[in-house]
Amino acid sequence: MKLFRVIAAMLFLSVAVSAGAAGRPERVVYHISDASNAMQALGNIRNHLNASPNASIVVVTHGAGIDFLLEDAKDKNGNPYNAVVQELADRKVQFRVCNNTLKGRQIDRKRVLPEATVVPSGVAELARLQSQEGYAYIKP
């Protein structure tokens, strides 16, 4: 009888822990280092939010990946990025742009879309989000 109580208590505890973990929103960082696949990545993020509306999503860009977050940027078909970025920002997606890239490429910070935040280093931001804040990493 004692063994039954111990097993029942362990089962209850494992169910409670699983329920708590399932209740936590996903924390995901999307890494974009090449804007040529940015529209596809933004579509992935939209689909992600449709499946998991409470997911916390951060997009970190550096190198050529920042290009879609600059004013007047368009994809290869001439579609502007700003409307999609605004839509996702309205859904609480955060966009971060590497300042090292801006400096290295001599791009004025004023050209960065207002929905994006400039961070000192894109790669350092990726590492920080993963190691210190527990974000899962996705590279579309």
N, C-alpha and C. Protein backbone atom coordinates (compact mmCIF):
# COMPACT_ATOMS: atom_id res chain seq x y z
N MET A 1 0.82 -1.19 0.00
CA MET A 1 0.00 0.00 0.00
C MET A 1 0.87 1.26 0.00
N LYS A 2 1.96 1.20 0.77
CA LYS A 2 2.88 2.33 0.80
C LYS A 2 3.49 2.58 -0.57
N LEU A 3 3.88 1.51 -1.25
CA LEU A 3 4.46 1.61 -2.58
C LEU A 3 3.46 2.24 -3.55
N PHE A 4 2.20 1.87 -3.43
CA PHE A 4 1.16 2.44 -4.28
C PHE A 4 1.06 3.95 -4.06
N ARG A 5 1.11 4.40 -2.82
CA ARG A 5 1.04 5.84 -2.51
C ARG A 5 2.25 6.58 -3.09
N VAL A 6 3.43 5.97 -2.99
CA VAL A 6 4.64 6.60 -3.52
C VAL A 6 4.53 6.73 -5.04
N ILE A 7 4.10 5.66 -5.70
CA ILE A 7 3.94 5.70 -7.16
C ILE A 7 2.89 6.73 -7.56
N ALA A 8 1.78 6.76 -6.84
CA ALA A 8 0.73 7.73 -7.14
C ALA A 8 1.23 9.16 -6.95
N ALA A 9 2.00 9.40 -5.90
CA ALA A 9 2.54 10.74 -5.65
C ALA A 9 3.52 11.13 -6.75
N MET A 10 4.36 10.19 -7.18
CA MET A 10 5.32 10.48 -8.25
C MET A 10 4.59 10.76 -9.56
N LEU A 11 3.56 10.01 -9.85
CA LEU A 11 2.78 10.22 -11.06
C LEU A 11 2.12 11.59 -11.03
N PHE A 12 1.53 11.96 -9.90
CA PHE A 12 0.89 13.26 -9.76
C PHE A 12 1.91 14.38 -9.96
N LEU A 13 3.09 14.24 -9.35
CA LEU A 13 4.13 15.25 -9.46
C LEU A 13 4.60 15.40 -10.91
N SER A 14 4.80 14.28 -11.62
CA SER A 14 5.26 14.38 -13.01
C SER A 14 4.21 15.03 -13.90
N VAL A 15 2.93 14.76 -13.66
CA VAL A 15 1.85 15.40 -14.43
C VAL A 15 1.82 16.89 -14.13
N ALA A 16 1.98 17.27 -12.88
CA ALA A 16 1.97 18.68 -12.50
C ALA A 16 3.13 19.43 -13.12
N VAL A 17 4.31 18.82 -13.12
CA VAL A 17 5.48 19.46 -13.72
C VAL A 17 5.29 19.60 -15.23
N SER A 18 4.78 18.56 -15.89
CA SER A 18 4.53 18.62 -17.33
C SER A 18 3.51 19.69 -17.67
N ALA A 19 2.47 19.80 -16.89
CA ALA A 19 1.44 20.82 -17.14
C ALA A 19 2.03 22.21 -16.98
N GLY A 20 2.91 22.39 -16.00
CA GLY A 20 3.55 23.70 -15.82
C GLY A 20 4.43 24.06 -16.98
N ALA A 21 5.20 23.09 -17.48
CA ALA A 21 6.08 23.35 -18.62
C ALA A 21 5.28 23.63 -19.88
N ALA A 22 4.18 22.92 -20.04
CA ALA A 22 3.35 23.12 -21.23
C ALA A 22 2.69 24.50 -21.21
N GLY A 23 2.49 25.06 -20.04
CA GLY A 23 1.83 26.36 -19.91
C GLY A 23 2.75 27.54 -20.19
N ARG A 24 4.06 27.29 -20.25
CA ARG A 24 5.00 28.37 -20.51
C ARG A 24 5.04 28.69 -21.99
N PRO A 25 5.07 29.96 -22.35
CA PRO A 25 5.16 30.29 -23.78
C PRO A 25 6.54 29.94 -24.33
N GLU A 26 6.56 29.60 -25.60
CA GLU A 26 7.82 29.32 -26.28
C GLU A 26 8.62 30.61 -26.36
N ARG A 27 9.93 30.46 -26.27
CA ARG A 27 10.85 31.59 -26.45
C ARG A 27 11.79 31.18 -27.57
N VAL A 28 11.69 31.90 -28.70
CA VAL A 28 12.42 31.50 -29.90
C VAL A 28 13.14 32.70 -30.50
N VAL A 29 14.38 32.49 -30.89
CA VAL A 29 15.12 33.51 -31.62
C VAL A 29 15.35 33.00 -33.04
N TYR A 30 14.94 33.81 -34.00
CA TYR A 30 15.19 33.54 -35.42
C TYR A 30 16.42 34.33 -35.82
N HIS A 31 17.38 33.66 -36.44
CA HIS A 31 18.65 34.27 -36.82
C HIS A 31 18.67 34.48 -38.33
N ILE A 32 18.77 35.73 -38.75
CA ILE A 32 18.82 36.04 -40.18
C ILE A 32 20.13 36.76 -40.49
N SER A 33 20.97 36.10 -41.29
CA SER A 33 22.24 36.69 -41.68
C SER A 33 22.33 36.92 -43.19
N ASP A 34 21.22 36.63 -43.88
CA ASP A 34 21.16 36.83 -45.33
C ASP A 34 19.73 37.23 -45.68
N ALA A 35 19.54 38.46 -46.12
CA ALA A 35 18.19 38.97 -46.40
C ALA A 35 17.54 38.30 -47.61
N SER A 36 18.28 37.52 -48.38
CA SER A 36 17.67 36.88 -49.55
C SER A 36 16.59 35.87 -49.15
N ASN A 37 16.63 35.38 -47.92
CA ASN A 37 15.58 34.47 -47.46
C ASN A 37 14.71 35.11 -46.38
N ALA A 38 14.76 36.42 -46.26
CA ALA A 38 14.01 37.11 -45.20
C ALA A 38 12.50 36.96 -45.35
N MET A 39 11.97 37.06 -46.56
CA MET A 39 10.52 36.95 -46.74
C MET A 39 10.05 35.55 -46.34
N GLN A 40 10.83 34.54 -46.69
CA GLN A 40 10.51 33.17 -46.28
C GLN A 40 10.55 33.06 -44.75
N ALA A 41 11.56 33.64 -44.14
CA ALA A 41 11.68 33.61 -42.68
C ALA A 41 10.49 34.32 -42.01
N LEU A 42 10.09 35.45 -42.57
CA LEU A 42 8.94 36.17 -42.01
C LEU A 42 7.67 35.35 -42.15
N GLY A 43 7.55 34.62 -43.25
CA GLY A 43 6.41 33.71 -43.41
C GLY A 43 6.45 32.59 -42.38
N ASN A 44 7.65 32.07 -42.11
CA ASN A 44 7.80 31.04 -41.07
C ASN A 44 7.37 31.58 -39.71
N ILE A 45 7.74 32.81 -39.43
CA ILE A 45 7.38 33.42 -38.15
C ILE A 45 5.87 33.62 -38.06
N ARG A 46 5.26 34.05 -39.14
CA ARG A 46 3.80 34.20 -39.16
C ARG A 46 3.14 32.85 -38.89
N ASN A 47 3.60 31.81 -39.56
CA ASN A 47 3.06 30.47 -39.34
C ASN A 47 3.29 30.00 -37.90
N HIS A 48 4.46 30.30 -37.37
CA HIS A 48 4.78 29.95 -35.99
C HIS A 48 3.77 30.58 -35.03
N LEU A 49 3.52 31.87 -35.23
CA LEU A 49 2.56 32.57 -34.36
C LEU A 49 1.14 32.07 -34.54
N ASN A 50 0.79 31.66 -35.75
CA ASN A 50 -0.54 31.11 -35.96
C ASN A 50 -0.72 29.81 -35.19
N ALA A 51 0.36 29.01 -35.11
CA ALA A 51 0.30 27.75 -34.37
C ALA A 51 0.48 27.95 -32.87
N SER A 52 1.28 28.95 -32.48
CA SER A 52 1.58 29.22 -31.07
C SER A 52 1.46 30.72 -30.82
N PRO A 53 0.23 31.22 -30.67
CA PRO A 53 0.02 32.67 -30.56
C PRO A 53 0.74 33.35 -29.39
N ASN A 54 1.07 32.59 -28.36
CA ASN A 54 1.73 33.18 -27.19
C ASN A 54 3.25 33.07 -27.24
N ALA A 55 3.79 32.60 -28.35
CA ALA A 55 5.25 32.46 -28.46
C ALA A 55 5.90 33.83 -28.38
N SER A 56 7.03 33.88 -27.70
CA SER A 56 7.85 35.08 -27.63
C SER A 56 8.94 34.93 -28.68
N ILE A 57 8.88 35.77 -29.72
CA ILE A 57 9.80 35.62 -30.86
C ILE A 57 10.64 36.88 -31.02
N VAL A 58 11.95 36.66 -31.15
CA VAL A 58 12.91 37.73 -31.42
C VAL A 58 13.64 37.37 -32.70
N VAL A 59 13.76 38.33 -33.60
CA VAL A 59 14.52 38.16 -34.84
C VAL A 59 15.80 38.96 -34.69
N VAL A 60 16.94 38.26 -34.78
CA VAL A 60 18.24 38.92 -34.68
C VAL A 60 18.90 38.88 -36.05
N THR A 61 19.35 40.05 -36.51
CA THR A 61 19.97 40.16 -37.83
C THR A 61 21.37 40.74 -37.72
N HIS A 62 22.21 40.32 -38.64
CA HIS A 62 23.55 40.90 -38.78
C HIS A 62 24.02 40.64 -40.20
N GLY A 63 25.12 41.26 -40.56
CA GLY A 63 25.64 41.10 -41.93
C GLY A 63 24.59 41.49 -42.96
N ALA A 64 24.52 40.74 -44.04
CA ALA A 64 23.55 41.02 -45.10
C ALA A 64 22.11 40.78 -44.64
N GLY A 65 21.95 40.17 -43.48
CA GLY A 65 20.61 39.92 -42.95
C GLY A 65 19.87 41.16 -42.49
N ILE A 66 20.57 42.25 -42.30
CA ILE A 66 19.89 43.47 -41.82
C ILE A 66 19.14 44.18 -42.94
N ASP A 67 19.45 43.86 -44.18
CA ASP A 67 18.96 44.65 -45.31
C ASP A 67 17.44 44.79 -45.35
N PHE A 68 16.71 43.76 -44.95
CA PHE A 68 15.25 43.85 -45.02
C PHE A 68 14.68 44.76 -43.95
N LEU A 69 15.48 45.14 -42.98
CA LEU A 69 15.03 46.04 -41.91
C LEU A 69 15.46 47.49 -42.15
N LEU A 70 15.86 47.78 -43.36
CA LEU A 70 16.21 49.16 -43.73
C LEU A 70 15.06 49.78 -44.51
N GLU A 71 14.92 51.10 -44.37
CA GLU A 71 13.82 51.79 -45.06
C GLU A 71 13.86 51.51 -46.55
N ASP A 72 12.67 51.40 -47.13
CA ASP A 72 12.48 51.18 -48.56
C ASP A 72 13.01 49.83 -49.08
N ALA A 73 13.31 48.89 -48.19
CA ALA A 73 13.80 47.58 -48.63
C ALA A 73 12.67 46.78 -49.27
N LYS A 74 13.02 46.07 -50.35
CA LYS A 74 12.05 45.23 -51.07
C LYS A 74 12.69 43.88 -51.36
N ASP A 75 11.84 42.86 -51.47
CA ASP A 75 12.36 41.54 -51.82
C ASP A 75 12.63 41.47 -53.32
N LYS A 76 13.08 40.31 -53.80
CA LYS A 76 13.45 40.17 -55.21
C LYS A 76 12.28 40.36 -56.16
N ASN A 77 11.05 40.25 -55.65
CA ASN A 77 9.85 40.46 -56.47
C ASN A 77 9.31 41.88 -56.35
N GLY A 78 10.02 42.74 -55.63
CA GLY A 78 9.60 44.13 -55.48
C GLY A 78 8.60 44.37 -54.37
N ASN A 79 8.37 43.37 -53.52
CA ASN A 79 7.44 43.53 -52.40
C ASN A 79 8.16 44.18 -51.22
N PRO A 80 7.61 45.25 -50.68
CA PRO A 80 8.26 45.91 -49.55
C PRO A 80 8.17 45.05 -48.28
N TYR A 81 9.23 45.11 -47.51
CA TYR A 81 9.28 44.37 -46.25
C TYR A 81 8.55 45.08 -45.12
N ASN A 82 8.49 46.41 -45.18
CA ASN A 82 8.02 47.17 -44.02
C ASN A 82 6.61 46.77 -43.56
N ALA A 83 5.71 46.43 -44.47
CA ALA A 83 4.35 46.06 -44.07
C ALA A 83 4.34 44.74 -43.30
N VAL A 84 5.14 43.78 -43.74
CA VAL A 84 5.20 42.48 -43.06
C VAL A 84 5.87 42.65 -41.70
N VAL A 85 6.93 43.45 -41.65
CA VAL A 85 7.61 43.70 -40.39
C VAL A 85 6.64 44.37 -39.41
N GLN A 86 5.89 45.35 -39.89
CA GLN A 86 4.91 46.04 -39.03
C GLN A 86 3.85 45.07 -38.52
N GLU A 87 3.35 44.22 -39.40
CA GLU A 87 2.34 43.22 -39.00
C GLU A 87 2.87 42.33 -37.89
N LEU A 88 4.10 41.83 -38.04
CA LEU A 88 4.67 40.95 -37.03
C LEU A 88 5.02 41.70 -35.74
N ALA A 89 5.47 42.93 -35.88
CA ALA A 89 5.73 43.74 -34.69
C ALA A 89 4.43 43.97 -33.91
N ASP A 90 3.33 44.15 -34.62
CA ASP A 90 2.03 44.29 -33.96
C ASP A 90 1.64 43.02 -33.21
N ARG A 91 2.23 41.90 -33.63
CA ARG A 91 1.99 40.62 -32.94
C ARG A 91 3.07 40.35 -31.90
N LYS A 92 3.81 41.39 -31.55
CA LYS A 92 4.82 41.38 -30.50
C LYS A 92 6.15 40.71 -30.87
N VAL A 93 6.39 40.51 -32.15
CA VAL A 93 7.70 40.02 -32.58
C VAL A 93 8.69 41.18 -32.45
N GLN A 94 9.85 40.89 -31.89
CA GLN A 94 10.90 41.91 -31.73
C GLN A 94 11.97 41.72 -32.80
N PHE A 95 12.43 42.81 -33.36
CA PHE A 95 13.46 42.78 -34.40
C PHE A 95 14.70 43.50 -33.87
N ARG A 96 15.86 42.88 -34.03
CA ARG A 96 17.11 43.46 -33.53
C ARG A 96 18.15 43.48 -34.66
N VAL A 97 18.82 44.61 -34.78
CA VAL A 97 19.80 44.84 -35.84
C VAL A 97 21.18 45.06 -35.20
N CYS A 98 22.19 44.44 -35.79
CA CYS A 98 23.56 44.51 -35.29
C CYS A 98 24.20 45.88 -35.59
N ASN A 99 24.63 46.56 -34.55
CA ASN A 99 25.30 47.85 -34.72
C ASN A 99 26.67 47.68 -35.36
N ASN A 100 27.36 46.57 -35.09
CA ASN A 100 28.65 46.33 -35.73
C ASN A 100 28.49 46.30 -37.25
N THR A 101 27.41 45.70 -37.71
CA THR A 101 27.14 45.67 -39.16
C THR A 101 26.88 47.07 -39.69
N LEU A 102 26.06 47.83 -38.97
CA LEU A 102 25.78 49.21 -39.40
C LEU A 102 27.07 50.00 -39.52
N LYS A 103 27.92 49.91 -38.52
CA LYS A 103 29.20 50.63 -38.54
C LYS A 103 30.09 50.13 -39.68
N GLY A 104 30.24 48.83 -39.78
CA GLY A 104 31.12 48.24 -40.78
C GLY A 104 30.70 48.56 -42.20
N ARG A 105 29.40 48.64 -42.41
CA ARG A 105 28.88 48.93 -43.75
C ARG A 105 28.56 50.42 -43.93
N GLN A 106 28.85 51.20 -42.91
CA GLN A 106 28.62 52.66 -42.92
C GLN A 106 27.18 53.00 -43.28
N ILE A 107 26.25 52.34 -42.57
CA ILE A 107 24.82 52.59 -42.76
C ILE A 107 24.33 53.42 -41.58
N ASP A 108 23.66 54.51 -41.89
CA ASP A 108 23.12 55.39 -40.85
C ASP A 108 21.99 54.67 -40.10
N ARG A 109 22.04 54.73 -38.78
CA ARG A 109 21.01 54.10 -37.94
C ARG A 109 19.60 54.61 -38.28
N LYS A 110 19.52 55.81 -38.82
CA LYS A 110 18.21 56.39 -39.15
C LYS A 110 17.52 55.61 -40.27
N ARG A 111 18.27 54.80 -41.01
CA ARG A 111 17.68 54.00 -42.09
C ARG A 111 17.00 52.72 -41.58
N VAL A 112 17.25 52.38 -40.32
CA VAL A 112 16.65 51.17 -39.73
C VAL A 112 15.17 51.44 -39.45
N LEU A 113 14.32 50.48 -39.83
CA LEU A 113 12.88 50.63 -39.58
C LEU A 113 12.61 50.88 -38.09
N PRO A 114 11.59 51.67 -37.79
CA PRO A 114 11.31 51.99 -36.38
C PRO A 114 10.90 50.78 -35.54
N GLU A 115 10.46 49.70 -36.18
CA GLU A 115 10.06 48.50 -35.44
C GLU A 115 11.27 47.73 -34.91
N ALA A 116 12.46 48.07 -35.39
CA ALA A 116 13.67 47.35 -35.00
C ALA A 116 14.48 48.13 -33.97
N THR A 117 15.19 47.39 -33.16
CA THR A 117 16.09 47.94 -32.15
C THR A 117 17.51 47.61 -32.56
N VAL A 118 18.41 48.57 -32.41
CA VAL A 118 19.81 48.33 -32.71
C VAL A 118 20.48 47.80 -31.44
N VAL A 119 21.19 46.67 -31.58
CA VAL A 119 21.93 46.08 -30.46
C VAL A 119 23.42 46.16 -30.78
N PRO A 120 24.27 46.17 -29.77
CA PRO A 120 25.71 46.32 -30.05
C PRO A 120 26.27 45.27 -31.00
N SER A 121 25.89 44.01 -30.82
CA SER A 121 26.41 42.92 -31.64
C SER A 121 25.32 41.89 -31.86
N GLY A 122 25.08 41.53 -33.12
CA GLY A 122 24.07 40.53 -33.42
C GLY A 122 24.43 39.16 -32.87
N VAL A 123 25.67 38.74 -33.06
CA VAL A 123 26.05 37.41 -32.58
C VAL A 123 26.07 37.35 -31.06
N ALA A 124 26.46 38.43 -30.41
CA ALA A 124 26.43 38.45 -28.95
C ALA A 124 24.97 38.40 -28.45
N GLU A 125 24.08 39.06 -29.18
CA GLU A 125 22.66 39.03 -28.81
C GLU A 125 22.10 37.62 -28.95
N LEU A 126 22.48 36.92 -30.02
CA LEU A 126 22.06 35.53 -30.20
C LEU A 126 22.53 34.68 -29.03
N ALA A 127 23.78 34.81 -28.66
CA ALA A 127 24.34 34.03 -27.57
C ALA A 127 23.66 34.36 -26.25
N ARG A 128 23.41 35.63 -26.01
CA ARG A 128 22.77 36.05 -24.76
C ARG A 128 21.36 35.49 -24.65
N LEU A 129 20.59 35.60 -25.72
CA LEU A 129 19.22 35.10 -25.69
C LEU A 129 19.18 33.60 -25.44
N GLN A 130 20.11 32.87 -26.04
CA GLN A 130 20.13 31.42 -25.86
C GLN A 130 20.66 31.01 -24.48
N SER A 131 21.78 31.57 -24.08
CA SER A 131 22.42 31.12 -22.85
C SER A 131 21.82 31.71 -21.58
N GLN A 132 21.38 32.95 -21.65
CA GLN A 132 20.89 33.60 -20.44
C GLN A 132 19.37 33.64 -20.33
N GLU A 133 18.67 33.62 -21.47
CA GLU A 133 17.20 33.74 -21.42
C GLU A 133 16.48 32.49 -21.90
N GLY A 134 17.24 31.47 -22.30
CA GLY A 134 16.64 30.19 -22.65
C GLY A 134 15.87 30.15 -23.97
N TYR A 135 16.22 31.01 -24.90
CA TYR A 135 15.54 31.01 -26.21
C TYR A 135 16.03 29.85 -27.05
N ALA A 136 15.10 29.20 -27.75
CA ALA A 136 15.44 28.19 -28.74
C ALA A 136 15.91 28.91 -30.00
N TYR A 137 16.81 28.30 -30.73
CA TYR A 137 17.43 28.91 -31.90
C TYR A 137 16.88 28.32 -33.19
N ILE A 138 16.47 29.19 -34.11
CA ILE A 138 16.03 28.76 -35.43
C ILE A 138 16.76 29.58 -36.48
N LYS A 139 17.33 28.89 -37.44
CA LYS A 139 18.02 29.54 -38.57
C LYS A 139 17.27 29.15 -39.84
N PRO A 140 16.36 30.02 -40.31
CA PRO A 140 15.59 29.68 -41.52
C PRO A 140 16.47 29.66 -42.76
